[in-house]
C-alpha atoms as a PDB file:
ATOM      1  CA  MET A   1       9.671  22.998   8.667  1.00  0.00           C
ATOM      2  CA  SER A   2       8.623  21.029   5.939  1.00  0.00           C
ATOM      3  CA  GLU A   3      11.650  22.002   4.022  1.00  0.00           C
ATOM      4  CA  ILE A   4      13.887  20.871   6.820  1.00  0.00           C
ATOM      5  CA  GLU A   5      11.938  17.744   7.167  1.00  0.00           C
ATOM      6  CA  ALA A   6      12.062  17.183   3.474  1.00  0.00           C
ATOM      7  CA  LEU A   7      15.793  17.769   3.584  1.00  0.00           C
ATOM      8  CA  LYS A   8      16.078  15.446   6.573  1.00  0.00           C
ATOM      9  CA  ASP A   9      14.024  12.833   4.764  1.00  0.00           C
ATOM     10  CA  GLN A  10      16.141  13.318   1.720  1.00  0.00           C
ATOM     11  CA  LEU A  11      19.258  13.050   3.861  1.00  0.00           C
ATOM     12  CA  VAL A  12      17.932   9.857   5.422  1.00  0.00           C
ATOM     13  CA  VAL A  13      17.169   8.479   1.976  1.00  0.00           C
ATOM     14  CA  ARG A  14      20.609   9.471   0.741  1.00  0.00           C
ATOM     15  CA  LYS A  15      22.265   7.995   3.831  1.00  0.00           C
ATOM     16  CA  GLU A  16      20.285   4.845   3.214  1.00  0.00           C
ATOM     17  CA  PHE A  17      21.430   4.864  -0.421  1.00  0.00           C
ATOM     18  CA  ALA A  18      25.003   5.505   0.699  1.00  0.00           C
ATOM     19  CA  ARG A  19      24.771   2.740   3.307  1.00  0.00           C
ATOM     20  CA  ARG A  20      23.322   0.360   0.722  1.00  0.00           C
ATOM     21  CA  ALA A  21      25.926   1.410  -1.812  1.00  0.00           C
ATOM     22  CA  GLN A  22      28.594   0.928   0.854  1.00  0.00           C
ATOM     23  CA  MET A  23      27.208  -2.553   1.626  1.00  0.00           C
ATOM     24  CA  THR A  24      26.948  -3.407  -2.035  1.00  0.00           C
ATOM     25  CA  GLY A  25      30.522  -2.162  -2.526  1.00  0.00           C
ATOM     26  CA  ASP A  26      31.709  -4.242   0.448  1.00  0.00           C
ATOM     27  CA  GLU A  27      29.897  -7.287  -0.908  1.00  0.00           C
ATOM     28  CA  LEU A  28      31.374  -6.741  -4.352  1.00  0.00           C
ATOM     29  CA  ARG A  29      34.847  -6.272  -2.828  1.00  0.00           C
ATOM     30  CA  GLN A  30      34.402  -9.525  -0.892  1.00  0.00           C
ATOM     31  CA  LYS A  31      33.208 -11.293  -4.044  1.00  0.00           C
ATOM     32  CA  MET A  32      36.102  -9.814  -5.966  1.00  0.00           C
ATOM     33  CA  THR A  33      38.560 -10.871  -3.255  1.00  0.00           C
ATOM     34  CA  GLY A  34      36.997 -14.357  -3.290  1.00  0.00           C
ATOM     35  CA  ALA A  35      37.183 -14.439  -7.085  1.00  0.00           C
ATOM     36  CA  GLU A  36      40.817 -13.289  -6.971  1.00  0.00           C
ATOM     37  CA  LYS A  37      41.633 -15.997  -4.406  1.00  0.00           C
ATOM     38  CA  GLU A  38      39.790 -18.556  -6.524  1.00  0.00           C
ATOM     39  CA  LEU A  39      41.653 -17.338  -9.612  1.00  0.00           C
ATOM     40  CA  GLU A  40      44.964 -17.574  -7.721  1.00  0.00           C
ATOM     41  CA  GLU A  41      44.012 -21.128  -6.602  1.00  0.00           C
ATOM     42  CA  GLN A  42      43.122 -22.069 -10.168  1.00  0.00           C
ATOM     43  CA  GLN A  43      46.370 -20.572 -11.448  1.00  0.00           C
ATOM     44  CA  LYS A  44      48.265 -22.430  -8.706  1.00  0.00           C
ATOM     45  CA  ASP A  45      46.445 -25.652  -9.611  1.00  0.00           C
ATOM     46  CA  GLN A  46      47.096 -24.988 -13.312  1.00  0.00           C
ATOM     47  CA  LYS A  47      50.815 -24.465 -12.594  1.00  0.00           C
ATOM     48  CA  ALA A  48      50.888 -27.672 -10.531  1.00  0.00           C
ATOM     49  CA  ILE A  49      49.073 -29.549 -13.301  1.00  0.00           C
ATOM     50  CA  ASN A  50      51.435 -28.094 -15.920  1.00  0.00           C
ATOM     51  CA  ALA A  51      54.456 -28.992 -13.787  1.00  0.00           C
ATOM     52  CA  ASP A  52      53.094 -32.521 -13.230  1.00  0.00           C
ATOM     53  CA  MET A  53      52.296 -32.960 -16.929  1.00  0.00           C
ATOM     54  CA  THR A  54      55.758 -31.649 -17.853  1.00  0.00           C
ATOM     55  CA  ARG A  55      57.302 -34.110 -15.383  1.00  0.00           C
ATOM     56  CA  GLN A  56      55.144 -36.938 -16.758  1.00  0.00           C
ATOM     57  CA  TYR A  57      56.056 -35.948 -20.324  1.00  0.00           C
ATOM     58  CA  LYS A  58      59.770 -35.902 -19.500  1.00  0.00           C
ATOM     59  CA  THR A  59      59.460 -39.237 -17.668  1.00  0.00           C
ATOM     60  CA  MET A  60      57.543 -40.718 -20.585  1.00  0.00           C
ATOM     61  CA  GLN A  61      60.082 -39.287 -23.037  1.00  0.00           C
ATOM     62  CA  THR A  62      62.927 -40.794 -20.988  1.00  0.00           C
ATOM     63  CA  GLU A  63      61.106 -44.140 -20.797  1.00  0.00           C
ATOM     64  CA  MET A  64      60.415 -44.040 -24.539  1.00  0.00           C
ATOM     65  CA  GLY A  65      64.082 -43.254 -25.215  1.00  0.00           C
ATOM     66  CA  LEU A  66      65.121 -46.140 -22.982  1.00  0.00           C
ATOM     67  CA  ARG A  67      62.557 -48.469 -24.588  1.00  0.00           C
ATOM     68  CA  ASN A  68      63.690 -47.332 -28.043  1.00  0.00           C
ATOM     69  CA  HIS A  69      67.311 -48.051 -27.099  1.00  0.00           C
ATOM     70  CA  GLN A  70      66.334 -51.473 -25.712  1.00  0.00           C
ATOM     71  CA  LEU A  71      64.427 -52.298 -28.896  1.00  0.00           C
ATOM     72  CA  GLU A  72      67.321 -51.153 -31.087  1.00  0.00           C
ATOM     73  CA  THR A  73      69.717 -53.265 -29.014  1.00  0.00           C
ATOM     74  CA  GLU A  74      67.353 -56.252 -29.256  1.00  0.00           C
ATOM     75  CA  LEU A  75      66.984 -55.707 -33.010  1.00  0.00           C
ATOM     76  CA  ALA A  76      70.771 -55.596 -33.447  1.00  0.00           C
ATOM     77  CA  ARG A  77      71.125 -58.788 -31.379  1.00  0.00           C
ATOM     78  CA  ILE A  78      68.394 -60.537 -33.394  1.00  0.00           C
ATOM     79  CA  ARG A  79      69.960 -59.409 -36.683  1.00  0.00           C
ATOM     80  CA  GLN A  80      73.336 -60.718 -35.551  1.00  0.00           C
ATOM     81  CA  HIS A  81      71.721 -64.010 -34.492  1.00  0.00           C
ATOM     82  CA  LEU A  82      69.912 -64.189 -37.851  1.00  0.00           C
ATOM     83  CA  ALA A  83      73.167 -63.590 -39.744  1.00  0.00           C
ATOM     84  CA  GLN A  84      74.898 -66.283 -37.686  1.00  0.00           C
ATOM     85  CA  THR A  85      72.000 -68.690 -38.254  1.00  0.00           C
ATOM     86  CA  GLU A  86      72.013 -67.984 -42.001  1.00  0.00           C
ATOM     87  CA  LEU A  87      75.776 -68.612 -42.084  1.00  0.00           C
ATOM     88  CA  GLU A  88      75.322 -71.902 -40.213  1.00  0.00           C
ATOM     89  CA  LEU A  89      72.505 -72.858 -42.587  1.00  0.00           C
ATOM     90  CA  LYS A  90      74.734 -72.094 -45.583  1.00  0.00           C
ATOM     91  CA  LYS A  91      77.558 -74.174 -44.100  1.00  0.00           C
ATOM     92  CA  THR A  92      75.130 -77.005 -43.354  1.00  0.00           C
ATOM     93  CA  LYS A  93      73.784 -76.933 -46.918  1.00  0.00           C
ATOM     94  CA  GLU A  94      77.326 -76.921 -48.339  1.00  0.00           C
ATOM     95  CA  GLU A  95      78.273 -79.832 -46.054  1.00  0.00           C
ATOM     96  CA  LYS A  96      75.148 -81.721 -47.116  1.00  0.00           C
ATOM     97  CA  GLU A  97      75.925 -81.113 -50.796  1.00  0.00           C
ATOM     98  CA  ARG A  98      79.532 -82.231 -50.247  1.00  0.00           C
ATOM     99  CA  MET A  99      78.408 -85.362 -48.407  1.00  0.00           C
ATOM    100  CA  THR A 100      75.799 -86.126 -51.089  1.00  0.00           C
ATOM    101  CA  LYS A 101      78.439 -85.704 -53.801  1.00  0.00           C
ATOM    102  CA  GLU A 102      80.882 -87.962 -51.931  1.00  0.00           C
ATOM    103  CA  LYS A 103      78.145 -90.524 -51.349  1.00  0.00           C
ATOM    104  CA  ASP A 104      77.130 -90.451 -55.020  1.00  0.00           C
ATOM    105  CA  GLU A 105      80.791 -90.853 -56.047  1.00  0.00           C
ATOM    106  CA  GLU A 106      81.192 -93.761 -53.606  1.00  0.00           C
ATOM    107  CA  ILE A 107      77.988 -95.359 -54.918  1.00  0.00           C
ATOM    108  CA  GLY A 108      79.293 -94.916 -58.481  1.00  0.00           C
ATOM    109  CA  ASN A 109      82.648 -96.466 -57.537  1.00  0.00           C
ATOM    110  CA  LEU A 110      80.941 -99.364 -55.771  1.00  0.00           C
ATOM    111  CA  GLN A 111      78.613 -99.882 -58.748  1.00  0.00           C
ATOM    112  CA  MET A 112      81.651 -99.985 -61.054  1.00  0.00           C
ATOM    113  CA  LYS A 113      83.319-102.513 -58.734  1.00  0.00           C
ATOM    114  CA  ILE A 114      80.120-104.583 -58.651  1.00  0.00           C
ATOM    115  CA  ASN A 115      79.910-104.511 -62.452  1.00  0.00           C
ATOM    116  CA  SER A 116      83.601-105.432 -62.718  1.00  0.00           C
ATOM    117  CA  MET A 117      83.206-108.238 -60.180  1.00  0.00           C
ATOM    118  CA  GLU A 118      80.066-109.420 -61.981  1.00  0.00           C
ATOM    119  CA  LYS A 119      81.989-109.618 -65.255  1.00  0.00           C
ATOM    120  CA  ASP A 120      84.909-111.344 -63.495  1.00  0.00           C
ATOM    121  CA  TYR A 121      82.577-113.896 -61.875  1.00  0.00           C
ATOM    122  CA  GLU A 122      80.785-114.397 -65.186  1.00  0.00           C
ATOM    123  CA  ARG A 123      84.145-114.961 -66.880  1.00  0.00           C
ATOM    124  CA  VAL A 124      85.295-117.317 -64.104  1.00  0.00           C
ATOM    125  CA  ILE A 125      82.008-119.252 -64.275  1.00  0.00           C
ATOM    126  CA  ASP A 126      82.168-119.394 -68.080  1.00  0.00           C
ATOM    127  CA  GLU A 127      85.792-120.597 -67.939  1.00  0.00           C
ATOM    128  CA  THR A 128      84.939-123.111 -65.219  1.00  0.00           C
ATOM    129  CA  LEU A 129      81.906-124.377 -67.134  1.00  0.00           C
ATOM    130  CA  ASP A 130      83.950-124.567 -70.347  1.00  0.00           C
ATOM    131  CA  SER A 131      86.679-126.440 -68.480  1.00  0.00           C
ATOM    132  CA  LEU A 132      84.074-128.718 -66.877  1.00  0.00           C
ATOM    133  CA  CYS A 133      82.440-129.357 -70.263  1.00  0.00           C
ATOM    134  CA  SER A 134      85.851-130.095 -71.734  1.00  0.00           C
ATOM    135  CA  LYS A 135      86.626-132.510 -68.902  1.00  0.00           C
ATOM    136  CA  ILE A 136      83.189-134.114 -69.264  1.00  0.00           C
ATOM    137  CA  ASP A 137      83.731-134.500 -73.016  1.00  0.00           C
ATOM    138  CA  THR A 138      87.186-135.985 -72.381  1.00  0.00           C
ATOM    139  CA  ALA A 139      85.768-138.281 -69.709  1.00  0.00           C
ATOM    140  CA  ARG A 140      82.883-139.288 -72.015  1.00  0.00           C
ATOM    141  CA  GLU A 141      85.315-140.126 -74.768  1.00  0.00           C
ATOM    142  CA  LYS A 142      87.403-142.195 -72.323  1.00  0.00           C
ATOM    143  CA  TRP A 143      84.270-143.875 -70.972  1.00  0.00           C
ATOM    144  CA  GLY A 144      83.093-144.475 -74.527  1.00  0.00           C
ATOM    145  CA  GLU A 145      86.415-146.072 -75.362  1.00  0.00           C
ATOM    146  CA  MET A 146      86.435-148.023 -72.109  1.00  0.00           C
ATOM    147  CA  SER A 147      82.826-148.991 -72.654  1.00  0.00           C
ATOM    148  CA  THR A 148      83.638-150.240 -76.120  1.00  0.00           C
ATOM    149  CA  LEU A 149      86.590-152.219 -74.730  1.00  0.00           C
ATOM    150  CA  ILE A 150      84.489-153.605 -71.880  1.00  0.00           C
ATOM    151  CA  GLN A 151      81.684-154.524 -74.270  1.00  0.00           C
ATOM    152  CA  ALA A 152      84.151-156.196 -76.581  1.00  0.00           C
ATOM    153  CA  LYS A 153      85.632-158.109 -73.638  1.00  0.00           C
ATOM    154  CA  ASN A 154      82.226-159.094 -72.362  1.00  0.00           C
ATOM    155  CA  LYS A 155      81.195-160.134 -75.862  1.00  0.00           C
ATOM    156  CA  GLN A 156      84.317-162.273 -76.072  1.00  0.00           C
ATOM    157  CA  VAL A 157      83.591-163.798 -72.670  1.00  0.00           C
ATOM    158  CA  LEU A 158      79.986-164.561 -73.670  1.00  0.00           C
ATOM    159  CA  ILE A 159      81.164-166.105 -76.892  1.00  0.00           C
ATOM    160  CA  GLU A 160      83.656-168.212 -74.922  1.00  0.00           C
ATOM    161  CA  PHE A 161      80.786-169.471 -72.809  1.00  0.00           C
ATOM    162  CA  GLY A 162      78.880-170.226 -75.964  1.00  0.00           C
ATOM    163  CA  LEU A 163      76.360-167.486 -75.718  1.00  0.00           C
ATOM    164  CA  HIS A 164      75.425-165.227 -78.450  1.00  0.00           C
ATOM    165  CA  PRO A 165      75.488-161.573 -77.217  1.00  0.00           C
ATOM    166  CA  LEU A 166      72.596-160.349 -79.413  1.00  0.00           C
ATOM    167  CA  ASP A 167      70.311-163.073 -78.024  1.00  0.00           C
ATOM    168  CA  ILE A 168      70.689-161.863 -74.507  1.00  0.00           C
END
């Protein structure tokens, strides 16, 4: 009986080992199933993240392309405005130079006219003064002659009255 009992005990021990192995196997299967589900979730999340990042990248790339186009358009507009402004500046400088040249020529012409008029006035004044001096000299000579005649007459009149002209 002891052999039967030993076999029974051994059978019980083996059943217990089998039951424990079965439980451990079930637990490991459950863990593996959980790990597989978790892995599937992570892969799903990773795909969603990749899809979202791809969408964000494409959106960002589109926005960058649009921004790049806007900047290129703005740059072209600014360059055109700069060219127009430079052309206007050049025209303004040329106009200023032309006006300065005309003004300088006009000033030169006016200065020549002033100099000419100055010489003409100087000549007129000189001629007038010469004429006036000539008239004064002529008048002085006439007055001198008249004065001499008047003095001679007065001397004669004084003598007629019996007065001596040098005594007076």
